[in-house]
Amino acid sequence: MKASAIYAKTMNFVWLKLGLGLLTLVISCVLLGLAFGIAALFQFEGGLLFFLLGLWLVLTASASGLINHYFGYLVKAGHIAVVTEAVTTGVLPDAQFSAAAEKVKARFAASNVYFVVDRLVSGAVRQLQNGVDKVDSMLGNLPGVSALLTFAKLFIGVALGYVDECCLGYTFYKQDQNAFKSAADGVVIYFQNWKTLMKSAAKTSLIVVGLFVAVTIVSFALLGGLFALLGWSGWIAFLLSFLVAYAVKSAFIDSYIMIKMLSSYMQTAPSTEITFDLYEKLCKLSRKFKELFQKGKSEASAAVPSPAPGTV
């Protein structure tokens, strides 16, 4: 099944992600209204107004973090599970939400297990970013190289955000072993094929950054005009425009790019023969990967039943 078809047929997840993003925006607007209301009581004193705006930013970031932690991650996990099934089998379940919930629960048992796996996978794949940092330290004295590598790291950082989702998708594909082991295998498969996969990732990161900037500009043009008519701050309009653009990106852009990347990854992963010495190399390079790998081994050992008394 093509990525565009999967995207169109899993739009329920996209709309749900957009709803979570808009919920963050609504909470931010309510907090902003409270901040301006309190400032108005004190006749918009400069020091107090700046303090309240700073507090508004902190509370908005906290609300976004809580929503993503308790709802957004689980929606993402369910979407990845359904997309992985569609990519590998060509079939989508009819009741996608209930099927996704069952898959996530069966694979990770509890949400905190998924959070641990997601955190460890994200940390492990960032090793490529560290590799770019090492090149920067060696070549940073050359004219223009440091700025070029900083620009490159921006796009690599964007691209790696989709790579860890591919590795999590592999945990739903490879269900004959525990989630930690499958996730570790997924990271190893990525690093064995990183040149091929990063070509696709580089293109997608360019699209993501370009679309995000475009949505921000359009949102700012609309909100900025409204705020100008009301005599409100243009900076507030810009920050709200950024939140609108982020909600659109998280729902529509990220979902489509995730499906494209996962499709590309799953074309390579099943046929990849894992180079087992790479586990040791990655353990030396990444503390997160070492923790992920060790959890996979300990979970596998715990799953092996002990021999019954009197048996050999």
C-alpha atoms as a PDB file:
ATOM      1  CA  MET A   1       0.000   0.000   0.000  1.00  0.00           C
ATOM      2  CA  LYS A   2       1.396   3.413  -0.983  1.00  0.00           C
ATOM      3  CA  ALA A   3       2.240   6.001   1.646  1.00  0.00           C
ATOM      4  CA  SER A   4      -0.284   8.492   0.249  1.00  0.00           C
ATOM      5  CA  ALA A   5      -3.069   5.904   0.483  1.00  0.00           C
ATOM      6  CA  ILE A   6      -2.139   5.011   4.070  1.00  0.00           C
ATOM      7  CA  TYR A   7      -2.102   8.704   4.964  1.00  0.00           C
ATOM      8  CA  ALA A   8      -5.556   9.247   3.503  1.00  0.00           C
ATOM      9  CA  LYS A   9      -6.974   6.178   5.240  1.00  0.00           C
ATOM     10  CA  THR A  10      -5.526   7.029   8.667  1.00  0.00           C
ATOM     11  CA  MET A  11      -6.696  10.655   8.751  1.00  0.00           C
ATOM     12  CA  ASN A  12      -8.579   9.974  11.998  1.00  0.00           C
ATOM     13  CA  PHE A  13      -5.214   9.947  13.783  1.00  0.00           C
ATOM     14  CA  VAL A  14      -4.211  13.155  11.999  1.00  0.00           C
ATOM     15  CA  TRP A  15      -7.367  14.948  13.124  1.00  0.00           C
ATOM     16  CA  LEU A  16      -6.847  13.687  16.667  1.00  0.00           C
ATOM     17  CA  LYS A  17      -3.288  15.057  16.676  1.00  0.00           C
ATOM     18  CA  LEU A  18      -4.603  18.378  15.363  1.00  0.00           C
ATOM     19  CA  GLY A  19      -7.180  18.406  18.161  1.00  0.00           C
ATOM     20  CA  LEU A  20      -4.445  17.982  20.771  1.00  0.00           C
ATOM     21  CA  GLY A  21      -2.456  20.804  19.179  1.00  0.00           C
ATOM     22  CA  LEU A  22      -5.485  23.108  19.137  1.00  0.00           C
ATOM     23  CA  LEU A  23      -6.193  22.194  22.774  1.00  0.00           C
ATOM     24  CA  THR A  24      -2.732  23.503  23.636  1.00  0.00           C
ATOM     25  CA  LEU A  25      -3.500  26.663  21.659  1.00  0.00           C
ATOM     26  CA  VAL A  26      -6.806  27.205  23.475  1.00  0.00           C
ATOM     27  CA  ILE A  27      -5.154  26.741  26.871  1.00  0.00           C
ATOM     28  CA  SER A  28      -2.432  29.195  25.818  1.00  0.00           C
ATOM     29  CA  CYS A  29      -5.018  31.798  24.767  1.00  0.00           C
ATOM     30  CA  VAL A  30      -6.898  31.422  28.071  1.00  0.00           C
ATOM     31  CA  LEU A  31      -3.653  31.855  30.011  1.00  0.00           C
ATOM     32  CA  LEU A  32      -2.761  34.857  27.877  1.00  0.00           C
ATOM     33  CA  GLY A  33      -6.156  36.422  28.614  1.00  0.00           C
ATOM     34  CA  LEU A  34      -5.625  35.908  32.338  1.00  0.00           C
ATOM     35  CA  ALA A  35      -2.168  37.461  32.108  1.00  0.00           C
ATOM     36  CA  PHE A  36      -3.502  40.565  30.336  1.00  0.00           C
ATOM     37  CA  GLY A  37      -6.412  40.755  32.777  1.00  0.00           C
ATOM     38  CA  ILE A  38      -4.077  40.781  35.770  1.00  0.00           C
ATOM     39  CA  ALA A  39      -1.785  43.290  34.043  1.00  0.00           C
ATOM     40  CA  ALA A  40      -4.765  45.570  33.334  1.00  0.00           C
ATOM     41  CA  LEU A  41      -5.661  45.634  37.042  1.00  0.00           C
ATOM     42  CA  PHE A  42      -2.234  47.112  37.703  1.00  0.00           C
ATOM     43  CA  GLN A  43      -2.436  49.471  34.699  1.00  0.00           C
ATOM     44  CA  PHE A  44       0.039  47.439  32.622  1.00  0.00           C
ATOM     45  CA  GLU A  45       3.114  48.157  34.719  1.00  0.00           C
ATOM     46  CA  GLY A  46       6.155  47.240  32.625  1.00  0.00           C
ATOM     47  CA  GLY A  47       7.910  44.915  35.076  1.00  0.00           C
ATOM     48  CA  LEU A  48       4.749  43.033  36.007  1.00  0.00           C
ATOM     49  CA  LEU A  49       3.673  42.685  32.364  1.00  0.00           C
ATOM     50  CA  PHE A  50       7.008  41.150  31.356  1.00  0.00           C
ATOM     51  CA  PHE A  51       6.833  38.785  34.322  1.00  0.00           C
ATOM     52  CA  LEU A  52       3.308  37.671  33.403  1.00  0.00           C
ATOM     53  CA  LEU A  53       4.284  37.146  29.762  1.00  0.00           C
ATOM     54  CA  GLY A  54       7.238  35.047  30.873  1.00  0.00           C
ATOM     55  CA  LEU A  55       4.972  33.051  33.165  1.00  0.00           C
ATOM     56  CA  TRP A  56       2.545  32.599  30.251  1.00  0.00           C
ATOM     57  CA  LEU A  57       5.306  31.087  28.118  1.00  0.00           C
ATOM     58  CA  VAL A  58       6.331  28.699  30.900  1.00  0.00           C
ATOM     59  CA  LEU A  59       2.743  27.583  31.570  1.00  0.00           C
ATOM     60  CA  THR A  60       2.054  27.148  27.846  1.00  0.00           C
ATOM     61  CA  ALA A  61       5.154  24.972  27.462  1.00  0.00           C
ATOM     62  CA  SER A  62       4.132  22.961  30.542  1.00  0.00           C
ATOM     63  CA  ALA A  63       0.604  22.428  29.226  1.00  0.00           C
ATOM     64  CA  SER A  64       1.979  21.301  25.859  1.00  0.00           C
ATOM     65  CA  GLY A  65       4.379  18.898  27.580  1.00  0.00           C
ATOM     66  CA  LEU A  66       1.641  17.361  29.734  1.00  0.00           C
ATOM     67  CA  ILE A  67      -0.752  16.930  26.795  1.00  0.00           C
ATOM     68  CA  ASN A  68       1.948  15.329  24.658  1.00  0.00           C
ATOM     69  CA  HIS A  69       3.157  13.105  27.489  1.00  0.00           C
ATOM     70  CA  TYR A  70      -0.214  11.709  28.536  1.00  0.00           C
ATOM     71  CA  PHE A  71      -2.070  11.773  25.218  1.00  0.00           C
ATOM     72  CA  GLY A  72       0.172  12.705  22.280  1.00  0.00           C
ATOM     73  CA  TYR A  73       2.701   9.902  22.740  1.00  0.00           C
ATOM     74  CA  LEU A  74      -0.011   7.255  22.934  1.00  0.00           C
ATOM     75  CA  VAL A  75      -1.735   8.645  19.833  1.00  0.00           C
ATOM     76  CA  LYS A  76       1.621   8.561  18.043  1.00  0.00           C
ATOM     77  CA  ALA A  77       2.276   4.982  19.180  1.00  0.00           C
ATOM     78  CA  GLY A  78      -1.146   3.865  17.970  1.00  0.00           C
ATOM     79  CA  HIS A  79      -0.655   5.589  14.623  1.00  0.00           C
ATOM     80  CA  ILE A  80       2.760   3.946  14.187  1.00  0.00           C
ATOM     81  CA  ALA A  81       1.272   0.535  15.009  1.00  0.00           C
ATOM     82  CA  VAL A  82      -1.519   0.874  12.428  1.00  0.00           C
ATOM     83  CA  VAL A  83       0.807   2.302   9.760  1.00  0.00           C
ATOM     84  CA  THR A  84       3.337  -0.500  10.321  1.00  0.00           C
ATOM     85  CA  GLU A  85       0.613  -3.083   9.741  1.00  0.00           C
ATOM     86  CA  ALA A  86      -0.498  -1.294   6.576  1.00  0.00           C
ATOM     87  CA  VAL A  87       3.061  -1.024   5.241  1.00  0.00           C
ATOM     88  CA  THR A  88       3.989  -4.656   5.945  1.00  0.00           C
ATOM     89  CA  THR A  89       0.684  -6.391   5.132  1.00  0.00           C
ATOM     90  CA  GLY A  90      -1.138  -3.943   2.879  1.00  0.00           C
ATOM     91  CA  VAL A  91      -4.194  -4.118   5.155  1.00  0.00           C
ATOM     92  CA  LEU A  92      -5.653  -1.572   7.567  1.00  0.00           C
ATOM     93  CA  PRO A  93      -7.963  -2.568  10.455  1.00  0.00           C
ATOM     94  CA  ASP A  94     -11.565  -1.357  10.269  1.00  0.00           C
ATOM     95  CA  ALA A  95     -11.803   0.037  13.808  1.00  0.00           C
ATOM     96  CA  GLN A  96      -8.447   1.779  13.783  1.00  0.00           C
ATOM     97  CA  PHE A  97      -8.552   3.402  17.243  1.00  0.00           C
ATOM     98  CA  SER A  98      -9.531   0.233  19.092  1.00  0.00           C
ATOM     99  CA  ALA A  99      -7.079  -1.842  17.049  1.00  0.00           C
ATOM    100  CA  ALA A 100      -4.310   0.657  17.774  1.00  0.00           C
ATOM    101  CA  ALA A 101      -5.076   0.632  21.503  1.00  0.00           C
ATOM    102  CA  GLU A 102      -4.976  -3.171  21.559  1.00  0.00           C
ATOM    103  CA  LYS A 103      -1.665  -3.266  19.658  1.00  0.00           C
ATOM    104  CA  VAL A 104       0.000  -0.713  21.942  1.00  0.00           C
ATOM    105  CA  LYS A 105      -1.267  -2.441  25.086  1.00  0.00           C
ATOM    106  CA  ALA A 106      -0.213  -5.873  23.835  1.00  0.00           C
ATOM    107  CA  ARG A 107       3.238  -4.663  22.824  1.00  0.00           C
ATOM    108  CA  PHE A 108       4.121  -2.445  25.766  1.00  0.00           C
ATOM    109  CA  ALA A 109       1.710  -3.674  28.508  1.00  0.00           C
ATOM    110  CA  ALA A 110       1.750  -0.244  30.178  1.00  0.00           C
ATOM    111  CA  SER A 111       2.229   3.285  28.871  1.00  0.00           C
ATOM    112  CA  ASN A 112       5.319   3.867  31.005  1.00  0.00           C
ATOM    113  CA  VAL A 113       7.083   1.016  29.159  1.00  0.00           C
ATOM    114  CA  TYR A 114       6.428   2.768  25.857  1.00  0.00           C
ATOM    115  CA  PHE A 115       7.760   6.034  27.289  1.00  0.00           C
ATOM    116  CA  VAL A 116      10.985   4.286  28.368  1.00  0.00           C
ATOM    117  CA  VAL A 117      11.455   2.618  24.975  1.00  0.00           C
ATOM    118  CA  ASP A 118      10.707   5.868  23.136  1.00  0.00           C
ATOM    119  CA  ARG A 119      13.176   7.806  25.300  1.00  0.00           C
ATOM    120  CA  LEU A 120      15.955   5.256  24.855  1.00  0.00           C
ATOM    121  CA  VAL A 121      15.433   4.939  21.089  1.00  0.00           C
ATOM    122  CA  SER A 122      15.398   8.734  20.660  1.00  0.00           C
ATOM    123  CA  GLY A 123      18.629   9.029  22.622  1.00  0.00           C
ATOM    124  CA  ALA A 124      20.306   6.247  20.647  1.00  0.00           C
ATOM    125  CA  VAL A 125      19.519   7.583  17.175  1.00  0.00           C
ATOM    126  CA  ARG A 126      20.828  11.005  18.190  1.00  0.00           C
ATOM    127  CA  GLN A 127      24.276   9.406  18.025  1.00  0.00           C
ATOM    128  CA  LEU A 128      24.414  10.480  14.389  1.00  0.00           C
ATOM    129  CA  GLN A 129      24.021  14.061  15.552  1.00  0.00           C
ATOM    130  CA  ASN A 130      26.988  13.560  17.878  1.00  0.00           C
ATOM    131  CA  GLY A 131      28.986  12.313  14.914  1.00  0.00           C
ATOM    132  CA  VAL A 132      28.323  15.572  13.104  1.00  0.00           C
ATOM    133  CA  ASP A 133      29.433  17.456  16.229  1.00  0.00           C
ATOM    134  CA  LYS A 134      32.774  15.606  16.114  1.00  0.00           C
ATOM    135  CA  VAL A 135      33.275  16.629  12.496  1.00  0.00           C
ATOM    136  CA  ASP A 136      32.450  20.201  13.513  1.00  0.00           C
ATOM    137  CA  SER A 137      35.113  20.145  16.223  1.00  0.00           C
ATOM    138  CA  MET A 138      37.726  18.922  13.734  1.00  0.00           C
ATOM    139  CA  LEU A 139      36.825  21.266  10.871  1.00  0.00           C
ATOM    140  CA  GLY A 140      35.316  24.188  12.732  1.00  0.00           C
ATOM    141  CA  ASN A 141      38.417  26.371  12.245  1.00  0.00           C
ATOM    142  CA  LEU A 142      38.062  26.326   8.465  1.00  0.00           C
ATOM    143  CA  PRO A 143      36.325  29.427   7.035  1.00  0.00           C
ATOM    144  CA  GLY A 144      32.617  28.851   6.477  1.00  0.00           C
ATOM    145  CA  VAL A 145      32.678  25.192   7.561  1.00  0.00           C
ATOM    146  CA  SER A 146      31.228  25.775  11.029  1.00  0.00           C
ATOM    147  CA  ALA A 147      28.203  27.656   9.657  1.00  0.00           C
ATOM    148  CA  LEU A 148      27.664  24.962   7.010  1.00  0.00           C
ATOM    149  CA  LEU A 149      27.794  22.162   9.578  1.00  0.00           C
ATOM    150  CA  THR A 150      25.442  24.054  11.893  1.00  0.00           C
ATOM    151  CA  PHE A 151      22.980  24.262   8.989  1.00  0.00           C
ATOM    152  CA  ALA A 152      23.478  20.544   8.286  1.00  0.00           C
ATOM    153  CA  LYS A 153      22.886  19.627  11.942  1.00  0.00           C
ATOM    154  CA  LEU A 154      19.566  21.473  11.863  1.00  0.00           C
ATOM    155  CA  PHE A 155      18.262  19.235   9.072  1.00  0.00           C
ATOM    156  CA  ILE A 156      19.793  16.072  10.517  1.00  0.00           C
ATOM    157  CA  GLY A 157      18.096  16.846  13.830  1.00  0.00           C
ATOM    158  CA  VAL A 158      14.738  17.185  12.069  1.00  0.00           C
ATOM    159  CA  ALA A 159      15.282  13.977  10.104  1.00  0.00           C
ATOM    160  CA  LEU A 160      16.276  11.935  13.167  1.00  0.00           C
ATOM    161  CA  GLY A 161      12.913  12.744  14.739  1.00  0.00           C
ATOM    162  CA  TYR A 162      11.339  10.475  12.126  1.00  0.00           C
ATOM    163  CA  VAL A 163      14.035   7.802  12.290  1.00  0.00           C
ATOM    164  CA  ASP A 164      13.211   6.968  15.911  1.00  0.00           C
ATOM    165  CA  GLU A 165       9.576   6.515  14.891  1.00  0.00           C
ATOM    166  CA  CYS A 166      10.746   3.987  12.280  1.00  0.00           C
ATOM    167  CA  CYS A 167      12.667   2.088  14.958  1.00  0.00           C
ATOM    168  CA  LEU A 168       9.547   2.049  17.142  1.00  0.00           C
ATOM    169  CA  GLY A 169       7.587   0.783  14.148  1.00  0.00           C
ATOM    170  CA  TYR A 170       9.969  -2.157  13.994  1.00  0.00           C
ATOM    171  CA  THR A 171       8.869  -3.164  17.521  1.00  0.00           C
ATOM    172  CA  PHE A 172       5.340  -3.692  16.174  1.00  0.00           C
ATOM    173  CA  TYR A 173       6.670  -5.625  13.199  1.00  0.00           C
ATOM    174  CA  LYS A 174       9.006  -7.871  15.189  1.00  0.00           C
ATOM    175  CA  GLN A 175       6.696  -9.205  17.877  1.00  0.00           C
ATOM    176  CA  ASP A 176       8.412 -12.556  18.531  1.00  0.00           C
ATOM    177  CA  GLN A 177      10.759 -10.863  21.035  1.00  0.00           C
ATOM    178  CA  ASN A 178      10.376  -8.244  23.762  1.00  0.00           C
ATOM    179  CA  ALA A 179       9.897  -4.584  22.863  1.00  0.00           C
ATOM    180  CA  PHE A 180      13.324  -3.488  24.141  1.00  0.00           C
ATOM    181  CA  LYS A 181      15.119  -6.114  22.038  1.00  0.00           C
ATOM    182  CA  SER A 182      13.104  -5.261  18.918  1.00  0.00           C
ATOM    183  CA  ALA A 183      13.746  -1.546  19.444  1.00  0.00           C
ATOM    184  CA  ALA A 184      17.494  -2.185  19.807  1.00  0.00           C
ATOM    185  CA  ASP A 185      17.422  -4.260  16.611  1.00  0.00           C
ATOM    186  CA  GLY A 186      15.568  -1.420  14.907  1.00  0.00           C
ATOM    187  CA  VAL A 187      18.303   1.055  15.838  1.00  0.00           C
ATOM    188  CA  VAL A 188      21.028  -1.325  14.613  1.00  0.00           C
ATOM    189  CA  ILE A 189      19.187  -1.824  11.309  1.00  0.00           C
ATOM    190  CA  TYR A 190      19.003   1.931  10.884  1.00  0.00           C
ATOM    191  CA  PHE A 191      22.741   2.385  11.456  1.00  0.00           C
ATOM    192  CA  GLN A 192      23.547  -0.425   9.024  1.00  0.00           C
ATOM    193  CA  ASN A 193      21.486   1.361   6.357  1.00  0.00           C
ATOM    194  CA  TRP A 194      21.913   4.960   7.495  1.00  0.00           C
ATOM    195  CA  LYS A 195      23.308   6.248   4.174  1.00  0.00           C
ATOM    196  CA  THR A 196      20.284   5.026   2.227  1.00  0.00           C
ATOM    197  CA  LEU A 197      17.760   6.071   4.847  1.00  0.00           C
ATOM    198  CA  MET A 198      19.287   9.489   5.497  1.00  0.00           C
ATOM    199  CA  LYS A 199      19.003  10.392   1.809  1.00  0.00           C
ATOM    200  CA  SER A 200      15.255  10.076   2.157  1.00  0.00           C
ATOM    201  CA  ALA A 201      15.342  11.774   5.558  1.00  0.00           C
ATOM    202  CA  ALA A 202      17.274  14.771   4.226  1.00  0.00           C
ATOM    203  CA  LYS A 203      14.630  15.403   1.578  1.00  0.00           C
ATOM    204  CA  THR A 204      11.806  15.118   4.094  1.00  0.00           C
ATOM    205  CA  SER A 205      13.520  17.474   6.556  1.00  0.00           C
ATOM    206  CA  LEU A 206      13.752  20.140   3.852  1.00  0.00           C
ATOM    207  CA  ILE A 207      10.030  19.750   3.193  1.00  0.00           C
ATOM    208  CA  VAL A 208       9.208  19.937   6.915  1.00  0.00           C
ATOM    209  CA  VAL A 209      11.223  23.095   7.547  1.00  0.00           C
ATOM    210  CA  GLY A 210       9.892  24.771   4.413  1.00  0.00           C
ATOM    211  CA  LEU A 211       6.247  23.999   5.163  1.00  0.00           C
ATOM    212  CA  PHE A 212       6.617  24.973   8.828  1.00  0.00           C
ATOM    213  CA  VAL A 213       8.020  28.373   7.854  1.00  0.00           C
ATOM    214  CA  ALA A 214       5.252  28.856   5.280  1.00  0.00           C
ATOM    215  CA  VAL A 215       2.470  28.008   7.757  1.00  0.00           C
ATOM    216  CA  THR A 216       4.027  30.309  10.371  1.00  0.00           C
ATOM    217  CA  ILE A 217       4.161  33.202   7.888  1.00  0.00           C
ATOM    218  CA  VAL A 218       0.542  32.712   6.807  1.00  0.00           C
ATOM    219  CA  SER A 219      -0.632  32.425  10.430  1.00  0.00           C
ATOM    220  CA  PHE A 220       1.332  35.514  11.424  1.00  0.00           C
ATOM    221  CA  ALA A 221      -0.089  37.492   8.498  1.00  0.00           C
ATOM    222  CA  LEU A 222      -3.623  36.724   9.688  1.00  0.00           C
ATOM    223  CA  LEU A 223      -3.082  37.047  13.441  1.00  0.00           C
ATOM    224  CA  GLY A 224      -0.689  39.970  13.034  1.00  0.00           C
ATOM    225  CA  GLY A 225      -3.287  41.906  11.069  1.00  0.00           C
ATOM    226  CA  LEU A 226      -5.952  41.196  13.693  1.00  0.00           C
ATOM    227  CA  PHE A 227      -3.638  42.165  16.552  1.00  0.00           C
ATOM    228  CA  ALA A 228      -2.625  45.359  14.717  1.00  0.00           C
ATOM    229  CA  LEU A 229      -6.289  46.385  14.415  1.00  0.00           C
ATOM    230  CA  LEU A 230      -6.809  45.751  18.122  1.00  0.00           C
ATOM    231  CA  GLY A 231      -3.594  47.512  19.086  1.00  0.00           C
ATOM    232  CA  TRP A 232      -2.091  44.397  20.660  1.00  0.00           C
ATOM    233  CA  SER A 233       1.508  43.229  20.665  1.00  0.00           C
ATOM    234  CA  GLY A 234       2.934  41.865  17.409  1.00  0.00           C
ATOM    235  CA  TRP A 235       5.242  39.575  19.401  1.00  0.00           C
ATOM    236  CA  ILE A 236       2.254  37.861  20.983  1.00  0.00           C
ATOM    237  CA  ALA A 237       0.757  37.394  17.527  1.00  0.00           C
ATOM    238  CA  PHE A 238       4.015  35.824  16.356  1.00  0.00           C
ATOM    239  CA  LEU A 239       4.149  33.402  19.305  1.00  0.00           C
ATOM    240  CA  LEU A 240       0.539  32.353  18.751  1.00  0.00           C
ATOM    241  CA  SER A 241       1.279  31.932  15.033  1.00  0.00           C
ATOM    242  CA  PHE A 242       4.151  29.654  15.985  1.00  0.00           C
ATOM    243  CA  LEU A 243       1.768  27.532  18.104  1.00  0.00           C
ATOM    244  CA  VAL A 244      -0.713  27.313  15.213  1.00  0.00           C
ATOM    245  CA  ALA A 245       2.067  26.295  12.810  1.00  0.00           C
ATOM    246  CA  TYR A 246       3.358  23.711  15.287  1.00  0.00           C
ATOM    247  CA  ALA A 247      -0.123  22.187  15.659  1.00  0.00           C
ATOM    248  CA  VAL A 248      -0.498  21.944  11.856  1.00  0.00           C
ATOM    249  CA  LYS A 249       3.011  20.511  11.507  1.00  0.00           C
ATOM    250  CA  SER A 250       2.497  17.891  14.233  1.00  0.00           C
ATOM    251  CA  ALA A 251      -0.791  16.749  12.762  1.00  0.00           C
ATOM    252  CA  PHE A 252      -0.524  16.944   8.979  1.00  0.00           C
ATOM    253  CA  ILE A 253       3.148  17.310   8.043  1.00  0.00           C
ATOM    254  CA  ASP A 254       4.711  15.013  10.652  1.00  0.00           C
ATOM    255  CA  SER A 255       2.131  12.292  10.053  1.00  0.00           C
ATOM    256  CA  TYR A 256       2.734  12.215   6.316  1.00  0.00           C
ATOM    257  CA  ILE A 257       6.534  12.295   6.633  1.00  0.00           C
ATOM    258  CA  MET A 258       6.412   9.568   9.301  1.00  0.00           C
ATOM    259  CA  ILE A 259       4.442   7.328   6.948  1.00  0.00           C
ATOM    260  CA  LYS A 260       6.862   8.030   4.077  1.00  0.00           C
ATOM    261  CA  MET A 261       9.894   7.318   6.250  1.00  0.00           C
ATOM    262  CA  LEU A 262       8.368   4.194   7.788  1.00  0.00           C
ATOM    263  CA  SER A 263       7.523   2.867   4.339  1.00  0.00           C
ATOM    264  CA  SER A 264      11.121   3.378   3.234  1.00  0.00           C
ATOM    265  CA  TYR A 265      12.491   1.855   6.441  1.00  0.00           C
ATOM    266  CA  MET A 266      10.304  -1.257   6.289  1.00  0.00           C
ATOM    267  CA  GLN A 267      11.390  -1.922   2.701  1.00  0.00           C
ATOM    268  CA  THR A 268      14.913  -2.336   4.052  1.00  0.00           C
ATOM    269  CA  ALA A 269      14.504  -3.705   7.595  1.00  0.00           C
ATOM    270  CA  PRO A 270      13.082  -7.221   6.964  1.00  0.00           C
ATOM    271  CA  SER A 271      15.869  -8.121   4.530  1.00  0.00           C
ATOM    272  CA  THR A 272      18.710  -6.673   6.606  1.00  0.00           C
ATOM    273  CA  GLU A 273      21.086  -9.217   8.121  1.00  0.00           C
ATOM    274  CA  ILE A 274      22.101  -7.659  11.417  1.00  0.00           C
ATOM    275  CA  THR A 275      25.827  -7.265  11.989  1.00  0.00           C
ATOM    276  CA  PHE A 276      26.023  -8.337  15.612  1.00  0.00           C
ATOM    277  CA  ASP A 277      29.353  -6.669  16.368  1.00  0.00           C
ATOM    278  CA  LEU A 278      27.549  -3.371  15.786  1.00  0.00           C
ATOM    279  CA  TYR A 279      25.730  -3.862  19.107  1.00  0.00           C
ATOM    280  CA  GLU A 280      29.019  -3.620  20.978  1.00  0.00           C
ATOM    281  CA  LYS A 281      30.152  -0.600  18.959  1.00  0.00           C
ATOM    282  CA  LEU A 282      26.900   1.268  19.575  1.00  0.00           C
ATOM    283  CA  CYS A 283      26.995   0.390  23.275  1.00  0.00           C
ATOM    284  CA  LYS A 284      30.393   2.091  23.470  1.00  0.00           C
ATOM    285  CA  LEU A 285      29.171   5.127  21.556  1.00  0.00           C
ATOM    286  CA  SER A 286      25.784   5.605  23.213  1.00  0.00           C
ATOM    287  CA  ARG A 287      24.815   5.169  26.850  1.00  0.00           C
ATOM    288  CA  LYS A 288      21.138   5.210  25.849  1.00  0.00           C
ATOM    289  CA  PHE A 289      21.620   2.394  23.354  1.00  0.00           C
ATOM    290  CA  LYS A 290      23.579   0.365  25.916  1.00  0.00           C
ATOM    291  CA  GLU A 291      20.697   0.728  28.377  1.00  0.00           C
ATOM    292  CA  LEU A 292      18.187  -0.254  25.679  1.00  0.00           C
ATOM    293  CA  PHE A 293      20.264  -3.276  24.657  1.00  0.00           C
ATOM    294  CA  GLN A 294      20.758  -4.451  28.249  1.00  0.00           C
ATOM    295  CA  LYS A 295      17.042  -4.118  29.001  1.00  0.00           C
ATOM    296  CA  GLY A 296      16.342  -6.231  25.936  1.00  0.00           C
ATOM    297  CA  LYS A 297      18.692  -8.957  27.163  1.00  0.00           C
ATOM    298  CA  SER A 298      17.323  -8.910  30.713  1.00  0.00           C
ATOM    299  CA  GLU A 299      13.717  -9.067  29.476  1.00  0.00           C
ATOM    300  CA  ALA A 300      14.636 -12.016  27.235  1.00  0.00           C
ATOM    301  CA  SER A 301      16.291 -13.841  30.146  1.00  0.00           C
ATOM    302  CA  ALA A 302      13.277 -13.270  32.371  1.00  0.00           C
ATOM    303  CA  ALA A 303      10.967 -14.669  29.672  1.00  0.00           C
ATOM    304  CA  VAL A 304      12.829 -18.006  29.541  1.00  0.00           C
ATOM    305  CA  PRO A 305      10.968 -20.437  31.837  1.00  0.00           C
ATOM    306  CA  SER A 306      12.947 -22.205  34.558  1.00  0.00           C
ATOM    307  CA  PRO A 307      13.189 -26.007  34.234  1.00  0.00           C
ATOM    308  CA  ALA A 308      10.734 -27.989  36.321  1.00  0.00           C
ATOM    309  CA  PRO A 309      12.130 -29.763  39.430  1.00  0.00           C
ATOM    310  CA  GLY A 310      13.614 -33.157  38.619  1.00  0.00           C
ATOM    311  CA  THR A 311      14.177 -32.385  34.907  1.00  0.00           C
ATOM    312  CA  VAL A 312      17.531 -32.174  33.179  1.00  0.00           C
END
